[in-house]
C-alpha atoms as a PDB file:
ATOM      1  CA  MET A   1      -3.397 -27.809  14.389  1.00  0.00           C
ATOM      2  CA  MET A   2      -3.816 -24.519  16.242  1.00  0.00           C
ATOM      3  CA  ASP A   3      -4.480 -24.425  19.959  1.00  0.00           C
ATOM      4  CA  ASP A   4      -7.101 -22.152  21.555  1.00  0.00           C
ATOM      5  CA  TYR A   5      -4.511 -19.444  22.306  1.00  0.00           C
ATOM      6  CA  ASP A   6      -3.548 -19.139  18.638  1.00  0.00           C
ATOM      7  CA  LYS A   7      -7.186 -19.261  17.493  1.00  0.00           C
ATOM      8  CA  ILE A   8      -8.069 -16.367  19.809  1.00  0.00           C
ATOM      9  CA  LYS A   9      -4.995 -14.401  18.700  1.00  0.00           C
ATOM     10  CA  LEU A  10      -5.903 -14.923  15.041  1.00  0.00           C
ATOM     11  CA  HIS A  11      -9.543 -13.939  15.675  1.00  0.00           C
ATOM     12  CA  VAL A  12      -8.602 -10.724  17.505  1.00  0.00           C
ATOM     13  CA  LEU A  13      -6.030  -9.632  14.925  1.00  0.00           C
ATOM     14  CA  SER A  14      -8.102 -10.509  11.859  1.00  0.00           C
ATOM     15  CA  LYS A  15     -11.174  -8.784  13.302  1.00  0.00           C
ATOM     16  CA  LEU A  16      -9.246  -5.575  13.944  1.00  0.00           C
ATOM     17  CA  VAL A  17      -7.621  -5.687  10.492  1.00  0.00           C
ATOM     18  CA  ARG A  18     -10.973  -6.346   8.817  1.00  0.00           C
ATOM     19  CA  LYS A  19     -12.484  -3.347  10.624  1.00  0.00           C
ATOM     20  CA  ARG A  20      -9.380  -1.224   9.873  1.00  0.00           C
ATOM     21  CA  MET A  21      -8.652  -0.399  13.504  1.00  0.00           C
ATOM     22  CA  TRP A  22      -5.172   1.040  12.917  1.00  0.00           C
ATOM     23  CA  GLN A  23      -3.453   3.569  15.202  1.00  0.00           C
ATOM     24  CA  HIS A  24      -5.969   6.202  16.346  1.00  0.00           C
ATOM     25  CA  LYS A  25      -9.130   4.333  15.366  1.00  0.00           C
ATOM     26  CA  HIS A  26      -9.881   2.092  18.332  1.00  0.00           C
ATOM     27  CA  THR A  27     -12.538  -0.206  19.746  1.00  0.00           C
ATOM     28  CA  SER A  28     -13.509  -1.395  23.201  1.00  0.00           C
ATOM     29  CA  ILE A  29     -11.848  -4.484  24.611  1.00  0.00           C
ATOM     30  CA  HIS A  30     -15.372  -5.849  25.199  1.00  0.00           C
ATOM     31  CA  ASN A  31     -16.065  -5.983  21.449  1.00  0.00           C
ATOM     32  CA  LEU A  32     -13.212  -8.369  20.644  1.00  0.00           C
ATOM     33  CA  PRO A  33     -14.771 -11.664  21.855  1.00  0.00           C
ATOM     34  CA  LYS A  34     -17.958 -10.991  19.877  1.00  0.00           C
ATOM     35  CA  GLY A  35     -18.248 -13.415  16.979  1.00  0.00           C
ATOM     36  CA  MET A  36     -15.947 -15.916  18.651  1.00  0.00           C
ATOM     37  CA  PRO A  37     -17.201 -19.508  19.114  1.00  0.00           C
ATOM     38  CA  ASP A  38     -18.532 -20.249  22.607  1.00  0.00           C
ATOM     39  CA  HIS A  39     -15.785 -22.764  23.429  1.00  0.00           C
ATOM     40  CA  LEU A  40     -13.145 -20.031  22.917  1.00  0.00           C
ATOM     41  CA  ARG A  41     -14.815 -17.431  25.133  1.00  0.00           C
ATOM     42  CA  ASP A  42     -12.580 -18.029  28.141  1.00  0.00           C
ATOM     43  CA  ASN A  43     -12.111 -14.548  29.610  1.00  0.00           C
ATOM     44  CA  LYS A  44      -8.806 -15.374  31.299  1.00  0.00           C
ATOM     45  CA  LEU A  45      -7.334 -16.727  28.076  1.00  0.00           C
ATOM     46  CA  ILE A  46      -8.639 -13.790  26.039  1.00  0.00           C
ATOM     47  CA  LYS A  47      -7.106 -11.322  28.512  1.00  0.00           C
ATOM     48  CA  ARG A  48      -3.804 -13.223  28.393  1.00  0.00           C
ATOM     49  CA  VAL A  49      -3.760 -13.109  24.568  1.00  0.00           C
ATOM     50  CA  ILE A  50      -4.537  -9.376  24.550  1.00  0.00           C
ATOM     51  CA  SER A  51      -1.871  -8.698  27.206  1.00  0.00           C
ATOM     52  CA  GLU A  52       0.715 -10.565  25.109  1.00  0.00           C
ATOM     53  CA  LEU A  53      -0.262  -8.613  21.976  1.00  0.00           C
ATOM     54  CA  ILE A  54       0.079  -5.325  23.885  1.00  0.00           C
ATOM     55  CA  LYS A  55       3.446  -6.440  25.293  1.00  0.00           C
ATOM     56  CA  ASP A  56       4.636  -7.377  21.778  1.00  0.00           C
ATOM     57  CA  LYS A  57       3.433  -3.928  20.630  1.00  0.00           C
ATOM     58  CA  TRP A  58       1.046  -5.378  18.029  1.00  0.00           C
ATOM     59  CA  LEU A  59      -1.849  -3.733  19.872  1.00  0.00           C
ATOM     60  CA  LEU A  60      -1.943  -0.215  21.263  1.00  0.00           C
ATOM     61  CA  SER A  61      -4.019   0.389  24.372  1.00  0.00           C
ATOM     62  CA  LYS A  62      -5.815   3.570  25.302  1.00  0.00           C
ATOM     63  CA  PRO A  63      -7.227   3.660  28.825  1.00  0.00           C
ATOM     64  CA  THR A  64     -10.419   5.690  29.123  1.00  0.00           C
ATOM     65  CA  PHE A  65     -12.778   6.366  31.987  1.00  0.00           C
ATOM     66  CA  TYR A  66     -15.284   3.900  30.472  1.00  0.00           C
ATOM     67  CA  GLY A  67     -12.808   1.055  29.795  1.00  0.00           C
ATOM     68  CA  LEU A  68      -9.826  -0.007  27.754  1.00  0.00           C
ATOM     69  CA  GLU A  69      -9.762   0.792  24.030  1.00  0.00           C
ATOM     70  CA  LEU A  70      -7.503  -1.101  21.609  1.00  0.00           C
ATOM     71  CA  SER A  71      -6.123  -0.534  18.122  1.00  0.00           C
ATOM     72  CA  LEU A  72      -3.484  -2.101  15.878  1.00  0.00           C
ATOM     73  CA  ASN A  73       0.013  -0.645  15.744  1.00  0.00           C
ATOM     74  CA  ILE A  74       0.650   0.658  12.230  1.00  0.00           C
ATOM     75  CA  ASP A  75       4.408   0.150  12.719  1.00  0.00           C
ATOM     76  CA  LYS A  76       3.800  -3.623  12.993  1.00  0.00           C
ATOM     77  CA  LYS A  77       1.414  -3.807  10.023  1.00  0.00           C
ATOM     78  CA  LYS A  78       3.621  -6.075   7.921  1.00  0.00           C
ATOM     79  CA  GLU A  79       4.168  -8.546  10.786  1.00  0.00           C
ATOM     80  CA  ILE A  80       0.460  -8.622  11.663  1.00  0.00           C
ATOM     81  CA  GLU A  81      -0.656  -9.185   8.072  1.00  0.00           C
ATOM     82  CA  GLU A  82       1.964 -11.928   7.598  1.00  0.00           C
ATOM     83  CA  TYR A  83       0.809 -13.667  10.782  1.00  0.00           C
ATOM     84  CA  ILE A  84      -2.826 -13.611   9.629  1.00  0.00           C
ATOM     85  CA  GLU A  85      -1.941 -14.755   6.113  1.00  0.00           C
ATOM     86  CA  ASN A  86       0.231 -17.644   7.367  1.00  0.00           C
ATOM     87  CA  ASN A  87      -2.296 -18.889   9.923  1.00  0.00           C
ATOM     88  CA  LEU A  88      -5.612 -18.643   8.098  1.00  0.00           C
ATOM     89  CA  VAL A  89      -6.783 -22.115   7.193  1.00  0.00           C
END
């Protein structure tokens, strides 16, 4: 059984893969929790998951004057797709 941390991580990664947000195509950090069940919308936990993904270099961050933009790292594509494939129920 997956805990909330892993569910949020899977949601964020699969959403970005589904929308093809690789490398220079990015989206606002505020769009990532959209579509997530209400019980998983814990802002502190979501920020922690995103910080870990940035630290692991699975996500690339682009600071802008209107907020943080995120995209998937194309160099980690195989790892990201394997993680999603192995954890989808």
